[in-house]
Amino acid sequence: MSSTRLAKLLEFLESEPNDPFILYALATEYNNQNDAEKAYSFYLQLTDNHPDYVGTYYHLGKLYEKDGQKEKAIEVYQKGMVTARNKRDMHAFSELQGAYNTAAGLDYEDD
């Protein structure tokens, strides 16, 4: 099923090579298949060419964290929070802030 979905997305990409939703779907699909190199490629295309596509930042940050690149993840979460705030997307902002707090070690609880 997954390879069929990937093939279909690649087909869509041929006809709409700059569609942010297709780029995001491909990044997510490659990420789900543990193909980090291709996932990074599509996520970074999004941040470069579609910086207002808010969903990118959370997943790109998580991928960096998974690869042990915490500082890059924190940077991505910060950029995403700015983007989400500018778009007035408080739900995305909250998710990014939570991910940022966890990555930065700020999600402690009082004893």
Protein backbone atom coordinates (compact mmCIF):
# COMPACT_ATOMS: atom_id res chain seq x y z
CA MET A 1 0.00 0.00 0.00
CA SER A 2 2.77 2.40 0.95
CA SER A 3 4.66 1.96 -2.33
CA THR A 4 1.42 2.53 -4.24
CA ARG A 5 0.84 5.75 -2.32
CA LEU A 6 4.42 6.84 -2.98
CA ALA A 7 4.08 6.09 -6.70
CA LYS A 8 0.87 8.11 -6.85
CA LEU A 9 2.47 11.06 -5.03
CA LEU A 10 5.45 11.00 -7.41
CA GLU A 11 2.97 11.03 -10.30
CA PHE A 12 1.25 14.07 -8.80
CA LEU A 13 4.64 15.73 -8.37
CA GLU A 14 5.33 15.43 -12.10
CA SER A 15 2.22 17.44 -12.92
CA GLU A 16 2.50 19.87 -9.96
CA PRO A 17 6.21 20.08 -9.05
CA ASN A 18 5.82 23.10 -6.77
CA ASP A 19 2.63 22.14 -4.93
CA PRO A 20 3.42 22.42 -1.21
CA PHE A 21 0.88 19.78 -0.21
CA ILE A 22 2.44 17.21 -2.55
CA LEU A 23 5.95 18.07 -1.33
CA TYR A 24 4.76 17.72 2.26
CA ALA A 25 3.02 14.41 1.55
CA LEU A 26 6.17 13.06 -0.10
CA ALA A 27 8.37 14.20 2.80
CA THR A 28 6.00 12.52 5.23
CA GLU A 29 5.83 9.32 3.19
CA TYR A 30 9.62 9.07 2.94
CA ASN A 31 9.88 9.84 6.66
CA ASN A 32 7.42 7.03 7.42
CA GLN A 33 9.56 4.70 5.30
CA ASN A 34 12.68 5.74 7.27
CA ASP A 35 14.27 7.28 4.18
CA ALA A 36 15.63 10.32 6.02
CA GLU A 37 17.67 11.61 3.08
CA LYS A 38 14.64 11.93 0.81
CA ALA A 39 12.45 13.19 3.65
CA TYR A 40 14.98 15.94 4.39
CA SER A 41 15.11 16.82 0.70
CA PHE A 42 11.37 17.47 0.50
CA TYR A 43 11.06 19.13 3.92
CA LEU A 44 13.91 21.49 3.04
CA GLN A 45 12.32 22.30 -0.33
CA LEU A 46 9.27 23.34 1.63
CA THR A 47 11.15 25.54 4.09
CA ASP A 48 13.07 27.16 1.21
CA ASN A 49 10.23 27.61 -1.29
CA HIS A 50 7.11 27.58 0.91
CA PRO A 51 8.22 28.96 4.29
CA ASP A 52 4.59 29.64 5.27
CA TYR A 53 3.68 25.92 5.10
CA VAL A 54 3.54 25.62 8.88
CA GLY A 55 3.20 21.83 9.17
CA THR A 56 6.69 21.36 7.80
CA TYR A 57 8.47 22.73 10.84
CA TYR A 58 7.17 20.26 13.41
CA HIS A 59 7.99 17.19 11.33
CA LEU A 60 11.35 18.49 10.13
CA GLY A 61 12.27 19.27 13.73
CA LYS A 62 11.25 15.80 14.87
CA LEU A 63 13.35 14.26 12.08
CA TYR A 64 16.37 16.28 13.20
CA GLU A 65 15.77 15.13 16.79
CA LYS A 66 15.51 11.52 15.66
CA ASP A 67 18.89 11.94 13.94
CA GLY A 68 20.44 13.38 17.10
CA GLN A 69 20.62 16.94 15.73
CA LYS A 70 18.91 18.67 18.63
CA GLU A 71 20.29 22.15 17.89
CA LYS A 72 18.94 22.05 14.33
CA ALA A 73 15.60 20.81 15.64
CA ILE A 74 15.41 23.70 18.10
CA GLU A 75 16.18 26.19 15.29
CA VAL A 76 13.45 24.68 13.13
CA TYR A 77 10.91 24.79 15.96
CA GLN A 78 11.76 28.46 16.58
CA LYS A 79 11.28 29.35 12.90
CA GLY A 80 8.05 27.40 12.88
CA MET A 81 6.73 29.23 15.95
CA VAL A 82 7.41 32.59 14.27
CA THR A 83 5.69 31.41 11.10
CA ALA A 84 2.70 30.02 12.99
CA ARG A 85 2.35 33.21 15.03
CA ASN A 86 2.51 35.34 11.87
CA LYS A 87 -0.22 33.20 10.31
CA ARG A 88 -2.20 33.33 13.56
CA ASP A 89 -2.23 29.52 13.67
CA MET A 90 -2.25 29.11 17.43
CA HIS A 91 -2.80 25.34 17.29
CA ALA A 92 0.40 24.85 15.26
CA PHE A 93 2.18 27.39 17.47
CA SER A 94 1.24 25.41 20.58
CA GLU A 95 2.45 22.11 19.08
CA LEU A 96 5.73 23.69 17.98
CA GLN A 97 6.21 25.33 21.36
CA GLY A 98 5.68 22.00 23.09
CA ALA A 99 8.23 20.31 20.82
CA TYR A 100 10.65 23.20 21.33
CA ASN A 101 10.26 23.07 25.12
CA THR A 102 10.93 19.33 25.15
CA ALA A 103 13.97 19.59 22.86
CA ALA A 104 15.35 22.54 24.83
CA GLY A 105 14.79 20.77 28.17
CA LEU A 106 12.22 23.30 29.35
CA ASP A 107 9.37 20.86 29.98
CA TYR A 108 10.14 20.17 33.60
CA GLU A 109 7.57 19.64 36.33
CA ASP A 110 7.65 21.08 39.84
CA ASP A 111 8.19 18.56 42.61
